[in-house]
Amino acid sequence: MDLAAPSALPLPAAQPTAPSAEELAKRGQIAKTAQDFEASFLSVMLGEMFKDVGAEAPFNGGVGEQAFKSFLSDAMAKQMVRNGGVGLSNRVAKEMLKLQGLS
């Protein structure tokens, strides 16, 4: 072993610069927009899924059920997104970040 040879320690990697407050705000807005998009998509899909589902009397909600069915679809979709969704928001956010040059 040659003790006179300089040690081959790796050079420290360049530290990435911390994102600015503006960039963090933009990333947050993009994430929220992507989640809102996924919730809207899921709401439409759930609405279509439950479109023809109905209950027979005396348990049907009549006109009120039809009026509030979309609210139920929206609430279920938002809850699905809060619990991880189906992965659509991640893809949408990634593409939006790429378009903004933030990858």
PDB file of N, CA and C in Angstrom:
ATOM      1  N   MET A   1       0.844  -1.166   0.000  1.00  0.00           N
ATOM      2  CA  MET A   1       0.000   0.000   0.000  1.00  0.00           C
ATOM      3  C   MET A   1       0.889   1.228   0.000  1.00  0.00           C
ATOM      4  N   ASP A   2       0.662   2.108  -0.934  1.00  0.00           N
ATOM      5  CA  ASP A   2       1.469   3.316  -1.076  1.00  0.00           C
ATOM      6  C   ASP A   2       0.853   4.429  -0.240  1.00  0.00           C
ATOM      7  N   LEU A   3       1.470   4.801   0.848  1.00  0.00           N
ATOM      8  CA  LEU A   3       0.947   5.824   1.740  1.00  0.00           C
ATOM      9  C   LEU A   3       1.181   7.227   1.203  1.00  0.00           C
ATOM     10  N   ALA A   4       2.078   7.370   0.247  1.00  0.00           N
ATOM     11  CA  ALA A   4       2.380   8.686  -0.288  1.00  0.00           C
ATOM     12  C   ALA A   4       1.343   9.132  -1.315  1.00  0.00           C
ATOM     13  N   ALA A   5       0.584   8.205  -1.866  1.00  0.00           N
ATOM     14  CA  ALA A   5      -0.415   8.549  -2.888  1.00  0.00           C
ATOM     15  C   ALA A   5      -1.578   9.293  -2.235  1.00  0.00           C
ATOM     16  N   PRO A   6      -2.073  10.327  -2.911  1.00  0.00           N
ATOM     17  CA  PRO A   6      -3.214  11.058  -2.345  1.00  0.00           C
ATOM     18  C   PRO A   6      -4.441  10.145  -2.313  1.00  0.00           C
ATOM     19  N   SER A   7      -5.241  10.325  -1.299  1.00  0.00           N
ATOM     20  CA  SER A   7      -6.446   9.497  -1.186  1.00  0.00           C
ATOM     21  C   SER A   7      -7.446   9.928  -2.244  1.00  0.00           C
ATOM     22  N   ALA A   8      -8.170   8.976  -2.732  1.00  0.00           N
ATOM     23  CA  ALA A   8      -9.147   9.240  -3.789  1.00  0.00           C
ATOM     24  C   ALA A   8     -10.525   9.415  -3.183  1.00  0.00           C
ATOM     25  N   LEU A   9     -10.702  10.458  -2.390  1.00  0.00           N
ATOM     26  CA  LEU A   9     -12.007  10.732  -1.808  1.00  0.00           C
ATOM     27  C   LEU A   9     -12.871  11.430  -2.838  1.00  0.00           C
ATOM     28  N   PRO A  10     -14.111  11.037  -2.909  1.00  0.00           N
ATOM     29  CA  PRO A  10     -14.986  11.709  -3.873  1.00  0.00           C
ATOM     30  C   PRO A  10     -15.214  13.153  -3.473  1.00  0.00           C
ATOM     31  N   LEU A  11     -15.305  13.997  -4.462  1.00  0.00           N
ATOM     32  CA  LEU A  11     -15.586  15.400  -4.205  1.00  0.00           C
ATOM     33  C   LEU A  11     -17.046  15.533  -3.786  1.00  0.00           C
ATOM     34  N   PRO A  12     -17.310  16.434  -2.892  1.00  0.00           N
ATOM     35  CA  PRO A  12     -18.706  16.598  -2.483  1.00  0.00           C
ATOM     36  C   PRO A  12     -19.533  17.074  -3.675  1.00  0.00           C
ATOM     37  N   ALA A  13     -20.716  16.504  -3.783  1.00  0.00           N
ATOM     38  CA  ALA A  13     -21.615  16.888  -4.874  1.00  0.00           C
ATOM     39  C   ALA A  13     -22.111  18.299  -4.628  1.00  0.00           C
ATOM     40  N   ALA A  14     -22.385  18.985  -5.695  1.00  0.00           N
ATOM     41  CA  ALA A  14     -22.904  20.344  -5.573  1.00  0.00           C
ATOM     42  C   ALA A  14     -24.258  20.279  -4.878  1.00  0.00           C
ATOM     43  N   GLN A  15     -24.405  21.099  -3.879  1.00  0.00           N
ATOM     44  CA  GLN A  15     -25.655  21.117  -3.140  1.00  0.00           C
ATOM     45  C   GLN A  15     -26.717  21.816  -3.985  1.00  0.00           C
ATOM     46  N   PRO A  16     -27.883  21.184  -4.131  1.00  0.00           N
ATOM     47  CA  PRO A  16     -28.938  21.849  -4.892  1.00  0.00           C
ATOM     48  C   PRO A  16     -29.425  23.072  -4.128  1.00  0.00           C
ATOM     49  N   THR A  17     -29.752  24.076  -4.870  1.00  0.00           N
ATOM     50  CA  THR A  17     -30.230  25.293  -4.219  1.00  0.00           C
ATOM     51  C   THR A  17     -31.642  25.055  -3.719  1.00  0.00           C
ATOM     52  N   ALA A  18     -31.944  25.641  -2.603  1.00  0.00           N
ATOM     53  CA  ALA A  18     -33.280  25.503  -2.029  1.00  0.00           C
ATOM     54  C   ALA A  18     -34.272  26.231  -2.932  1.00  0.00           C
ATOM     55  N   PRO A  19     -35.438  25.641  -3.132  1.00  0.00           N
ATOM     56  CA  PRO A  19     -36.425  26.307  -3.988  1.00  0.00           C
ATOM     57  C   PRO A  19     -36.901  27.607  -3.350  1.00  0.00           C
ATOM     58  N   SER A  20     -37.170  28.560  -4.173  1.00  0.00           N
ATOM     59  CA  SER A  20     -37.634  29.854  -3.681  1.00  0.00           C
ATOM     60  C   SER A  20     -39.085  29.728  -3.203  1.00  0.00           C
ATOM     61  N   ALA A  21     -39.522  30.725  -2.480  1.00  0.00           N
ATOM     62  CA  ALA A  21     -40.903  30.734  -1.990  1.00  0.00           C
ATOM     63  C   ALA A  21     -41.881  30.759  -3.156  1.00  0.00           C
ATOM     64  N   GLU A  22     -41.511  31.462  -4.215  1.00  0.00           N
ATOM     65  CA  GLU A  22     -42.374  31.538  -5.400  1.00  0.00           C
ATOM     66  C   GLU A  22     -42.499  30.163  -6.053  1.00  0.00           C
ATOM     67  N   GLU A  23     -41.367  29.447  -6.154  1.00  0.00           N
ATOM     68  CA  GLU A  23     -41.400  28.113  -6.758  1.00  0.00           C
ATOM     69  C   GLU A  23     -42.210  27.156  -5.890  1.00  0.00           C
ATOM     70  N   LEU A  24     -42.040  27.231  -4.574  1.00  0.00           N
ATOM     71  CA  LEU A  24     -42.817  26.375  -3.678  1.00  0.00           C
ATOM     72  C   LEU A  24     -44.311  26.657  -3.807  1.00  0.00           C
ATOM     73  N   ALA A  25     -44.669  27.930  -3.924  1.00  0.00           N
ATOM     74  CA  ALA A  25     -46.069  28.295  -4.091  1.00  0.00           C
ATOM     75  C   ALA A  25     -46.614  27.757  -5.408  1.00  0.00           C
ATOM     76  N   LYS A  26     -45.800  27.868  -6.469  1.00  0.00           N
ATOM     77  CA  LYS A  26     -46.220  27.374  -7.774  1.00  0.00           C
ATOM     78  C   LYS A  26     -46.400  25.858  -7.741  1.00  0.00           C
ATOM     79  N   ARG A  27     -45.471  25.147  -7.101  1.00  0.00           N
ATOM     80  CA  ARG A  27     -45.582  23.691  -6.984  1.00  0.00           C
ATOM     81  C   ARG A  27     -46.834  23.298  -6.193  1.00  0.00           C
ATOM     82  N   GLY A  28     -47.107  24.049  -5.134  1.00  0.00           N
ATOM     83  CA  GLY A  28     -48.302  23.780  -4.340  1.00  0.00           C
ATOM     84  C   GLY A  28     -49.573  23.987  -5.140  1.00  0.00           C
ATOM     85  N   GLN A  29     -49.600  25.053  -5.927  1.00  0.00           N
ATOM     86  CA  GLN A  29     -50.773  25.343  -6.756  1.00  0.00           C
ATOM     87  C   GLN A  29     -50.949  24.277  -7.830  1.00  0.00           C
ATOM     88  N   ILE A  30     -49.851  23.844  -8.404  1.00  0.00           N
ATOM     89  CA  ILE A  30     -49.922  22.785  -9.425  1.00  0.00           C
ATOM     90  C   ILE A  30     -50.451  21.493  -8.805  1.00  0.00           C
ATOM     91  N   ALA A  31     -49.978  21.148  -7.621  1.00  0.00           N
ATOM     92  CA  ALA A  31     -50.452  19.928  -6.951  1.00  0.00           C
ATOM     93  C   ALA A  31     -51.943  20.028  -6.661  1.00  0.00           C
ATOM     94  N   LYS A  32     -52.393  21.191  -6.188  1.00  0.00           N
ATOM     95  CA  LYS A  32     -53.818  21.366  -5.895  1.00  0.00           C
ATOM     96  C   LYS A  32     -54.650  21.295  -7.168  1.00  0.00           C
ATOM     97  N   THR A  33     -54.181  21.918  -8.222  1.00  0.00           N
ATOM     98  CA  THR A  33     -54.901  21.892  -9.491  1.00  0.00           C
ATOM     99  C   THR A  33     -55.006  20.463 -10.023  1.00  0.00           C
ATOM    100  N   ALA A  34     -53.916  19.711  -9.927  1.00  0.00           N
ATOM    101  CA  ALA A  34     -53.926  18.322 -10.386  1.00  0.00           C
ATOM    102  C   ALA A  34     -54.885  17.474  -9.556  1.00  0.00           C
ATOM    103  N   GLN A  35     -54.933  17.711  -8.248  1.00  0.00           N
ATOM    104  CA  GLN A  35     -55.865  16.962  -7.394  1.00  0.00           C
ATOM    105  C   GLN A  35     -57.307  17.350  -7.691  1.00  0.00           C
ATOM    106  N   ASP A  36     -57.552  18.632  -7.938  1.00  0.00           N
ATOM    107  CA  ASP A  36     -58.896  19.074  -8.305  1.00  0.00           C
ATOM    108  C   ASP A  36     -59.332  18.438  -9.621  1.00  0.00           C
ATOM    109  N   PHE A  37     -58.398  18.345 -10.563  1.00  0.00           N
ATOM    110  CA  PHE A  37     -58.701  17.709 -11.843  1.00  0.00           C
ATOM    111  C   PHE A  37     -59.061  16.241 -11.636  1.00  0.00           C
ATOM    112  N   GLU A  38     -58.274  15.538 -10.820  1.00  0.00           N
ATOM    113  CA  GLU A  38     -58.559  14.126 -10.563  1.00  0.00           C
ATOM    114  C   GLU A  38     -59.916  13.970  -9.878  1.00  0.00           C
ATOM    115  N   ALA A  39     -60.225  14.848  -8.933  1.00  0.00           N
ATOM    116  CA  ALA A  39     -61.521  14.778  -8.252  1.00  0.00           C
ATOM    117  C   ALA A  39     -62.664  15.011  -9.241  1.00  0.00           C
ATOM    118  N   SER A  40     -62.493  15.963 -10.151  1.00  0.00           N
ATOM    119  CA  SER A  40     -63.525  16.216 -11.168  1.00  0.00           C
ATOM    120  C   SER A  40     -63.714  15.005 -12.067  1.00  0.00           C
ATOM    121  N   PHE A  41     -62.603  14.425 -12.497  1.00  0.00           N
ATOM    122  CA  PHE A  41     -62.653  13.240 -13.347  1.00  0.00           C
ATOM    123  C   PHE A  41     -63.372  12.095 -12.632  1.00  0.00           C
ATOM    124  N   LEU A  42     -62.986  11.844 -11.374  1.00  0.00           N
ATOM    125  CA  LEU A  42     -63.606  10.754 -10.626  1.00  0.00           C
ATOM    126  C   LEU A  42     -65.081  11.026 -10.365  1.00  0.00           C
ATOM    127  N   SER A  43     -65.434  12.281 -10.135  1.00  0.00           N
ATOM    128  CA  SER A  43     -66.831  12.634  -9.917  1.00  0.00           C
ATOM    129  C   SER A  43     -67.672  12.303 -11.144  1.00  0.00           C
ATOM    130  N   VAL A  44     -67.166  12.634 -12.316  1.00  0.00           N
ATOM    131  CA  VAL A  44     -67.885  12.315 -13.549  1.00  0.00           C
ATOM    132  C   VAL A  44     -67.997  10.797 -13.723  1.00  0.00           C
ATOM    133  N   MET A  45     -66.900  10.096 -13.443  1.00  0.00           N
ATOM    134  CA  MET A  45     -66.920   8.635 -13.591  1.00  0.00           C
ATOM    135  C   MET A  45     -67.904   7.995 -12.603  1.00  0.00           C
ATOM    136  N   LEU A  46     -67.902   8.468 -11.364  1.00  0.00           N
ATOM    137  CA  LEU A  46     -68.843   7.935 -10.372  1.00  0.00           C
ATOM    138  C   LEU A  46     -70.280   8.281 -10.749  1.00  0.00           C
ATOM    139  N   GLY A  47     -70.479   9.492 -11.252  1.00  0.00           N
ATOM    140  CA  GLY A  47     -71.814   9.891 -11.699  1.00  0.00           C
ATOM    141  C   GLY A  47     -72.341   8.975 -12.786  1.00  0.00           C
ATOM    142  N   GLU A  48     -71.473   8.646 -13.740  1.00  0.00           N
ATOM    143  CA  GLU A  48     -71.876   7.722 -14.804  1.00  0.00           C
ATOM    144  C   GLU A  48     -72.148   6.324 -14.253  1.00  0.00           C
ATOM    145  N   MET A  49     -71.338   5.927 -13.280  1.00  0.00           N
ATOM    146  CA  MET A  49     -71.501   4.598 -12.700  1.00  0.00           C
ATOM    147  C   MET A  49     -72.844   4.481 -11.967  1.00  0.00           C
ATOM    148  N   PHE A  50     -73.239   5.548 -11.272  1.00  0.00           N
ATOM    149  CA  PHE A  50     -74.473   5.513 -10.493  1.00  0.00           C
ATOM    150  C   PHE A  50     -75.679   6.074 -11.236  1.00  0.00           C
ATOM    151  N   LYS A  51     -75.505   6.419 -12.500  1.00  0.00           N
ATOM    152  CA  LYS A  51     -76.562   7.071 -13.270  1.00  0.00           C
ATOM    153  C   LYS A  51     -77.872   6.280 -13.256  1.00  0.00           C
ATOM    154  N   ASP A  52     -77.793   5.010 -13.475  1.00  0.00           N
ATOM    155  CA  ASP A  52     -79.005   4.190 -13.581  1.00  0.00           C
ATOM    156  C   ASP A  52     -79.322   3.422 -12.306  1.00  0.00           C
ATOM    157  N   VAL A  53     -78.588   3.698 -11.243  1.00  0.00           N
ATOM    158  CA  VAL A  53     -78.844   3.016  -9.981  1.00  0.00           C
ATOM    159  C   VAL A  53     -79.969   3.741  -9.265  1.00  0.00           C
ATOM    160  N   GLY A  54     -80.952   2.999  -8.860  1.00  0.00           N
ATOM    161  CA  GLY A  54     -82.063   3.595  -8.133  1.00  0.00           C
ATOM    162  C   GLY A  54     -82.619   2.588  -7.151  1.00  0.00           C
ATOM    163  N   ALA A  55     -83.356   3.076  -6.213  1.00  0.00           N
ATOM    164  CA  ALA A  55     -83.988   2.205  -5.230  1.00  0.00           C
ATOM    165  C   ALA A  55     -85.486   2.190  -5.482  1.00  0.00           C
ATOM    166  N   GLU A  56     -86.068   1.095  -5.176  1.00  0.00           N
ATOM    167  CA  GLU A  56     -87.513   0.978  -5.325  1.00  0.00           C
ATOM    168  C   GLU A  56     -88.201   1.603  -4.115  1.00  0.00           C
ATOM    169  N   ALA A  57     -89.440   1.979  -4.305  1.00  0.00           N
ATOM    170  CA  ALA A  57     -90.229   2.541  -3.205  1.00  0.00           C
ATOM    171  C   ALA A  57     -90.290   1.531  -2.077  1.00  0.00           C
ATOM    172  N   PRO A  58     -90.317   1.872  -0.892  1.00  0.00           N
ATOM    173  CA  PRO A  58     -90.407   3.202  -0.304  1.00  0.00           C
ATOM    174  C   PRO A  58     -89.044   3.822  -0.007  1.00  0.00           C
ATOM    175  N   PHE A  59     -87.973   3.224  -0.490  1.00  0.00           N
ATOM    176  CA  PHE A  59     -86.633   3.713  -0.132  1.00  0.00           C
ATOM    177  C   PHE A  59     -86.004   4.623  -1.166  1.00  0.00           C
ATOM    178  N   ASN A  60     -86.707   4.915  -2.227  1.00  0.00           N
ATOM    179  CA  ASN A  60     -86.108   5.823  -3.206  1.00  0.00           C
ATOM    180  C   ASN A  60     -86.277   7.257  -2.721  1.00  0.00           C
ATOM    181  N   GLY A  61     -85.429   8.121  -3.200  1.00  0.00           N
ATOM    182  CA  GLY A  61     -85.460   9.507  -2.756  1.00  0.00           C
ATOM    183  C   GLY A  61     -86.248  10.413  -3.670  1.00  0.00           C
ATOM    184  N   GLY A  62     -86.802   9.843  -4.717  1.00  0.00           N
ATOM    185  CA  GLY A  62     -87.603  10.647  -5.623  1.00  0.00           C
ATOM    186  C   GLY A  62     -86.785  11.728  -6.300  1.00  0.00           C
ATOM    187  N   VAL A  63     -87.400  12.889  -6.454  1.00  0.00           N
ATOM    188  CA  VAL A  63     -86.754  14.014  -7.125  1.00  0.00           C
ATOM    189  C   VAL A  63     -85.536  14.486  -6.323  1.00  0.00           C
ATOM    190  N   GLY A  64     -85.618  14.458  -5.015  1.00  0.00           N
ATOM    191  CA  GLY A  64     -84.502  14.887  -4.170  1.00  0.00           C
ATOM    192  C   GLY A  64     -83.277  14.025  -4.372  1.00  0.00           C
ATOM    193  N   GLU A  65     -83.491  12.739  -4.543  1.00  0.00           N
ATOM    194  CA  GLU A  65     -82.351  11.839  -4.768  1.00  0.00           C
ATOM    195  C   GLU A  65     -81.627  12.213  -6.048  1.00  0.00           C
ATOM    196  N   GLN A  66     -82.368  12.479  -7.089  1.00  0.00           N
ATOM    197  CA  GLN A  66     -81.751  12.863  -8.360  1.00  0.00           C
ATOM    198  C   GLN A  66     -81.021  14.195  -8.232  1.00  0.00           C
ATOM    199  N   ALA A  67     -81.578  15.105  -7.458  1.00  0.00           N
ATOM    200  CA  ALA A  67     -80.967  16.422  -7.309  1.00  0.00           C
ATOM    201  C   ALA A  67     -79.652  16.353  -6.547  1.00  0.00           C
ATOM    202  N   PHE A  68     -79.554  15.454  -5.570  1.00  0.00           N
ATOM    203  CA  PHE A  68     -78.375  15.411  -4.718  1.00  0.00           C
ATOM    204  C   PHE A  68     -77.389  14.310  -5.073  1.00  0.00           C
ATOM    205  N   LYS A  69     -77.698  13.508  -6.080  1.00  0.00           N
ATOM    206  CA  LYS A  69     -76.799  12.422  -6.471  1.00  0.00           C
ATOM    207  C   LYS A  69     -75.432  12.958  -6.903  1.00  0.00           C
ATOM    208  N   SER A  70     -75.405  14.088  -7.575  1.00  0.00           N
ATOM    209  CA  SER A  70     -74.132  14.662  -8.022  1.00  0.00           C
ATOM    210  C   SER A  70     -73.285  15.126  -6.835  1.00  0.00           C
ATOM    211  N   PHE A  71     -73.937  15.609  -5.771  1.00  0.00           N
ATOM    212  CA  PHE A  71     -73.200  16.015  -4.576  1.00  0.00           C
ATOM    213  C   PHE A  71     -72.523  14.817  -3.921  1.00  0.00           C
ATOM    214  N   LEU A  72     -73.214  13.693  -3.927  1.00  0.00           N
ATOM    215  CA  LEU A  72     -72.643  12.476  -3.370  1.00  0.00           C
ATOM    216  C   LEU A  72     -71.437  12.034  -4.205  1.00  0.00           C
ATOM    217  N   SER A  73     -71.560  12.087  -5.511  1.00  0.00           N
ATOM    218  CA  SER A  73     -70.434  11.727  -6.395  1.00  0.00           C
ATOM    219  C   SER A  73     -69.240  12.644  -6.155  1.00  0.00           C
ATOM    220  N   ASP A  74     -69.494  13.949  -6.013  1.00  0.00           N
ATOM    221  CA  ASP A  74     -68.414  14.903  -5.739  1.00  0.00           C
ATOM    222  C   ASP A  74     -67.730  14.600  -4.412  1.00  0.00           C
ATOM    223  N   ALA A  75     -68.527  14.345  -3.376  1.00  0.00           N
ATOM    224  CA  ALA A  75     -67.965  14.073  -2.056  1.00  0.00           C
ATOM    225  C   ALA A  75     -67.140  12.786  -2.068  1.00  0.00           C
ATOM    226  N   MET A  76     -67.638  11.760  -2.739  1.00  0.00           N
ATOM    227  CA  MET A  76     -66.888  10.499  -2.806  1.00  0.00           C
ATOM    228  C   MET A  76     -65.587  10.693  -3.579  1.00  0.00           C
ATOM    229  N   ALA A  77     -65.636  11.452  -4.671  1.00  0.00           N
ATOM    230  CA  ALA A  77     -64.440  11.688  -5.479  1.00  0.00           C
ATOM    231  C   ALA A  77     -63.389  12.454  -4.685  1.00  0.00           C
ATOM    232  N   LYS A  78     -63.798  13.482  -3.962  1.00  0.00           N
ATOM    233  CA  LYS A  78     -62.846  14.260  -3.155  1.00  0.00           C
ATOM    234  C   LYS A  78     -62.222  13.398  -2.066  1.00  0.00           C
ATOM    235  N   GLN A  79     -63.022  12.537  -1.447  1.00  0.00           N
ATOM    236  CA  GLN A  79     -62.492  11.653  -0.419  1.00  0.00           C
ATOM    237  C   GLN A  79     -61.514  10.651  -1.019  1.00  0.00           C
ATOM    238  N   MET A  80     -61.817  10.155  -2.208  1.00  0.00           N
ATOM    239  CA  MET A  80     -60.906   9.232  -2.881  1.00  0.00           C
ATOM    240  C   MET A  80     -59.561   9.902  -3.140  1.00  0.00           C
ATOM    241  N   VAL A  81     -59.579  11.149  -3.587  1.00  0.00           N
ATOM    242  CA  VAL A  81     -58.341  11.875  -3.867  1.00  0.00           C
ATOM    243  C   VAL A  81     -57.564  12.124  -2.576  1.00  0.00           C
ATOM    244  N   ARG A  82     -58.272  12.472  -1.494  1.00  0.00           N
ATOM    245  CA  ARG A  82     -57.592  12.677  -0.202  1.00  0.00           C
ATOM    246  C   ARG A  82     -56.901  11.404   0.272  1.00  0.00           C
ATOM    247  N   ASN A  83     -57.451  10.259  -0.112  1.00  0.00           N
ATOM    248  CA  ASN A  83     -56.878   8.971   0.300  1.00  0.00           C
ATOM    249  C   ASN A  83     -55.934   8.385  -0.741  1.00  0.00           C
ATOM    250  N   GLY A  84     -55.469   9.190  -1.677  1.00  0.00           N
ATOM    251  CA  GLY A  84     -54.481   8.722  -2.643  1.00  0.00           C
ATOM    252  C   GLY A  84     -54.980   8.656  -4.070  1.00  0.00           C
ATOM    253  N   GLY A  85     -56.281   8.652  -4.258  1.00  0.00           N
ATOM    254  CA  GLY A  85     -56.842   8.650  -5.604  1.00  0.00           C
ATOM    255  C   GLY A  85     -56.437   7.440  -6.418  1.00  0.00           C
ATOM    256  N   VAL A  86     -56.422   7.623  -7.717  1.00  0.00           N
ATOM    257  CA  VAL A  86     -56.061   6.544  -8.637  1.00  0.00           C
ATOM    258  C   VAL A  86     -54.743   6.822  -9.342  1.00  0.00           C
ATOM    259  N   GLY A  87     -54.044   7.867  -8.912  1.00  0.00           N
ATOM    260  CA  GLY A  87     -52.747   8.181  -9.491  1.00  0.00           C
ATOM    261  C   GLY A  87     -52.776   9.180 -10.623  1.00  0.00           C
ATOM    262  N   LEU A  88     -53.949   9.632 -10.983  1.00  0.00           N
ATOM    263  CA  LEU A  88     -54.064  10.573 -12.094  1.00  0.00           C
ATOM    264  C   LEU A  88     -53.442  11.927 -11.745  1.00  0.00           C
ATOM    265  N   SER A  89     -53.637  12.385 -10.523  1.00  0.00           N
ATOM    266  CA  SER A  89     -53.112  13.710 -10.160  1.00  0.00           C
ATOM    267  C   SER A  89     -51.586  13.742 -10.199  1.00  0.00           C
ATOM    268  N   ASN A  90     -50.942  12.636  -9.860  1.00  0.00           N
ATOM    269  CA  ASN A  90     -49.477  12.596  -9.916  1.00  0.00           C
ATOM    270  C   ASN A  90     -48.981  12.783 -11.343  1.00  0.00           C
ATOM    271  N   ARG A  91     -49.625  12.103 -12.282  1.00  0.00           N
ATOM    272  CA  ARG A  91     -49.230  12.226 -13.698  1.00  0.00           C
ATOM    273  C   ARG A  91     -49.492  13.632 -14.232  1.00  0.00           C
ATOM    274  N   VAL A  92     -50.658  14.163 -13.885  1.00  0.00           N
ATOM    275  CA  VAL A  92     -51.015  15.505 -14.354  1.00  0.00           C
ATOM    276  C   VAL A  92     -50.052  16.539 -13.774  1.00  0.00           C
ATOM    277  N   ALA A  93     -49.757  16.435 -12.478  1.00  0.00           N
ATOM    278  CA  ALA A  93     -48.834  17.381 -11.837  1.00  0.00           C
ATOM    279  C   ALA A  93     -47.450  17.293 -12.462  1.00  0.00           C
ATOM    280  N   LYS A  94     -47.006  16.081 -12.748  1.00  0.00           N
ATOM    281  CA  LYS A  94     -45.683  15.898 -13.360  1.00  0.00           C
ATOM    282  C   LYS A  94     -45.617  16.606 -14.711  1.00  0.00           C
ATOM    283  N   GLU A  95     -46.652  16.470 -15.515  1.00  0.00           N
ATOM    284  CA  GLU A  95     -46.674  17.122 -16.826  1.00  0.00           C
ATOM    285  C   GLU A  95     -46.778  18.637 -16.693  1.00  0.00           C
ATOM    286  N   MET A  96     -47.563  19.094 -15.725  1.00  0.00           N
ATOM    287  CA  MET A  96     -47.689  20.539 -15.513  1.00  0.00           C
ATOM    288  C   MET A  96     -46.355  21.131 -15.057  1.00  0.00           C
ATOM    289  N   LEU A  97     -45.658  20.428 -14.164  1.00  0.00           N
ATOM    290  CA  LEU A  97     -44.340  20.886 -13.730  1.00  0.00           C
ATOM    291  C   LEU A  97     -43.363  20.949 -14.891  1.00  0.00           C
ATOM    292  N   LYS A  98     -43.426  19.933 -15.747  1.00  0.00           N
ATOM    293  CA  LYS A  98     -42.534  19.902 -16.914  1.00  0.00           C
ATOM    294  C   LYS A  98     -42.828  21.106 -17.823  1.00  0.00           C
ATOM    295  N   LEU A  99     -44.100  21.424 -18.017  1.00  0.00           N
ATOM    296  CA  LEU A  99     -44.461  22.573 -18.853  1.00  0.00           C
ATOM    297  C   LEU A  99     -43.976  23.890 -18.253  1.00  0.00           C
ATOM    298  N   GLN A 100     -43.880  23.941 -16.924  1.00  0.00           N
ATOM    299  CA  GLN A 100     -43.408  25.143 -16.246  1.00  0.00           C
ATOM    300  C   GLN A 100     -41.878  25.171 -16.117  1.00  0.00           C
ATOM    301  N   GLY A 101     -41.227  24.110 -16.569  1.00  0.00           N
ATOM    302  CA  GLY A 101     -39.781  24.045 -16.473  1.00  0.00           C
ATOM    303  C   GLY A 101     -39.288  23.710 -15.081  1.00  0.00           C
ATOM    304  N   LEU A 102     -40.134  23.067 -14.268  1.00  0.00           N
ATOM    305  CA  LEU A 102     -39.762  22.767 -12.886  1.00  0.00           C
ATOM    306  C   LEU A 102     -39.456  21.296 -12.664  1.00  0.00           C
ATOM    307  N   SER A 103     -39.815  20.467 -13.586  1.00  0.00           N
ATOM    308  CA  SER A 103     -39.649  19.007 -13.488  1.00  0.00           C
ATOM    309  C   SER A 103     -39.565  18.589 -12.102  1.00  0.00           C
TER     310      SER A 103
END
